[in-house]
């Protein structure tokens, strides 16, 4: 074999490898669609950023409501405490 045939065979192999890589890349992008998922993730993050204020308002409302209910429970418990001067209706009534 001459050197020309070796060079031509190497060039053919390089072209074949390059085309194989390109076809695998194209198939990968068709299968996984990374650009579409990237755009979808960007849109979802923008939407979450827009809704963040409304969600924080709802969380503050829930927290305030829970604190209100906790304070109500504490007042009821404190009012029925027999060791408290103002509470313990049954014991204080007997005195």
Protein backbone atom coordinates (compact mmCIF):
# COMPACT_ATOMS: atom_id res chain seq x y z
CA UNK A 1 0.00 0.00 0.00
CA UNK A 2 1.14 3.41 -0.73
CA UNK A 3 1.06 6.35 1.56
CA UNK A 4 -1.72 7.92 -0.50
CA UNK A 5 -4.04 4.99 0.25
CA UNK A 6 -3.29 5.21 3.98
CA UNK A 7 -4.02 8.94 3.99
CA UNK A 8 -7.24 8.43 2.03
CA UNK A 9 -8.36 5.65 4.38
CA UNK A 10 -7.59 7.83 7.41
CA UNK A 11 -9.51 10.73 5.87
CA UNK A 12 -12.48 8.44 5.16
CA UNK A 13 -12.38 7.19 8.72
CA UNK A 14 -12.25 10.76 10.07
CA UNK A 15 -15.22 11.77 7.91
CA UNK A 16 -17.13 8.65 9.03
CA UNK A 17 -16.38 9.36 12.71
CA UNK A 18 -17.40 12.98 12.32
CA UNK A 19 -20.67 12.08 10.62
CA UNK A 20 -21.35 9.45 13.26
CA UNK A 21 -20.77 12.01 16.01
CA UNK A 22 -23.05 14.52 14.29
CA UNK A 23 -25.87 11.98 13.89
CA UNK A 24 -25.55 10.92 17.53
CA UNK A 25 -25.67 14.57 18.60
CA UNK A 26 -28.74 15.24 16.49
CA UNK A 27 -30.50 12.16 17.88
CA UNK A 28 -29.61 13.21 21.43
CA UNK A 29 -31.08 16.69 20.93
CA UNK A 30 -34.22 15.24 19.33
CA UNK A 31 -34.67 12.80 22.20
CA UNK A 32 -33.92 14.96 25.22
CA UNK A 33 -34.86 18.42 23.87
CA UNK A 34 -32.63 20.33 26.28
CA UNK A 35 -33.46 23.75 24.83
CA UNK A 36 -37.18 23.22 25.28
CA UNK A 37 -36.69 22.09 28.86
CA UNK A 38 -34.39 25.06 29.51
CA UNK A 39 -37.03 27.48 28.18
CA UNK A 40 -39.75 25.72 30.20
CA UNK A 41 -37.65 25.96 33.38
CA UNK A 42 -37.00 29.65 32.75
CA UNK A 43 -40.72 30.34 32.28
CA UNK A 44 -41.58 28.40 35.45
CA UNK A 45 -38.97 30.29 37.48
CA UNK A 46 -40.29 33.63 36.20
CA UNK A 47 -43.82 32.55 37.09
CA UNK A 48 -42.72 31.51 40.59
CA UNK A 49 -40.91 34.83 41.01
CA UNK A 50 -44.08 36.71 40.04
CA UNK A 51 -46.22 34.67 42.44
CA UNK A 52 -43.72 34.95 45.29
CA UNK A 53 -45.32 38.07 46.82
CA UNK A 54 -48.79 36.55 46.82
CA UNK A 55 -47.50 33.34 48.40
CA UNK A 56 -45.63 35.30 51.08
CA UNK A 57 -48.84 37.20 51.90
CA UNK A 58 -50.70 33.90 52.27
CA UNK A 59 -47.94 32.52 54.50
CA UNK A 60 -48.06 35.65 56.70
CA UNK A 61 -51.84 35.34 56.97
CA UNK A 62 -51.59 31.66 57.95
CA UNK A 63 -48.90 32.45 60.52
CA UNK A 64 -50.90 35.32 62.04
CA UNK A 65 -54.01 33.14 62.19
CA UNK A 66 -52.11 30.32 63.90
CA UNK A 67 -50.62 32.76 66.42
CA UNK A 68 -54.11 34.13 67.11
CA UNK A 69 -55.45 30.61 67.70
CA UNK A 70 -52.46 29.79 69.94
CA UNK A 71 -53.07 32.91 72.01
CA UNK A 72 -56.73 31.97 72.32
CA UNK A 73 -55.78 28.51 73.58
CA UNK A 74 -53.29 29.97 76.04
CA UNK A 75 -55.95 32.33 77.41
CA UNK A 76 -58.40 29.48 77.85
CA UNK A 77 -55.78 27.34 79.59
CA UNK A 78 -54.69 30.25 81.77
CA UNK A 79 -58.27 31.05 82.70
CA UNK A 80 -58.98 27.52 83.92
CA UNK A 81 -55.78 27.22 85.95
CA UNK A 82 -56.68 26.50 89.62
CA UNK A 83 -53.33 27.91 90.86
CA UNK A 84 -54.00 31.29 89.30
CA UNK A 85 -55.73 33.92 91.46
CA UNK A 86 -58.05 35.02 88.67
CA UNK A 87 -58.57 31.53 87.28
CA UNK A 88 -59.79 28.29 88.83
CA UNK A 89 -63.47 29.10 89.06
CA UNK A 90 -64.38 26.18 91.32
CA UNK A 91 -61.67 26.72 93.96
CA UNK A 92 -62.03 30.51 94.10
CA UNK A 93 -65.79 30.21 94.46
CA UNK A 94 -65.37 28.12 97.58
CA UNK A 95 -63.08 30.67 99.21
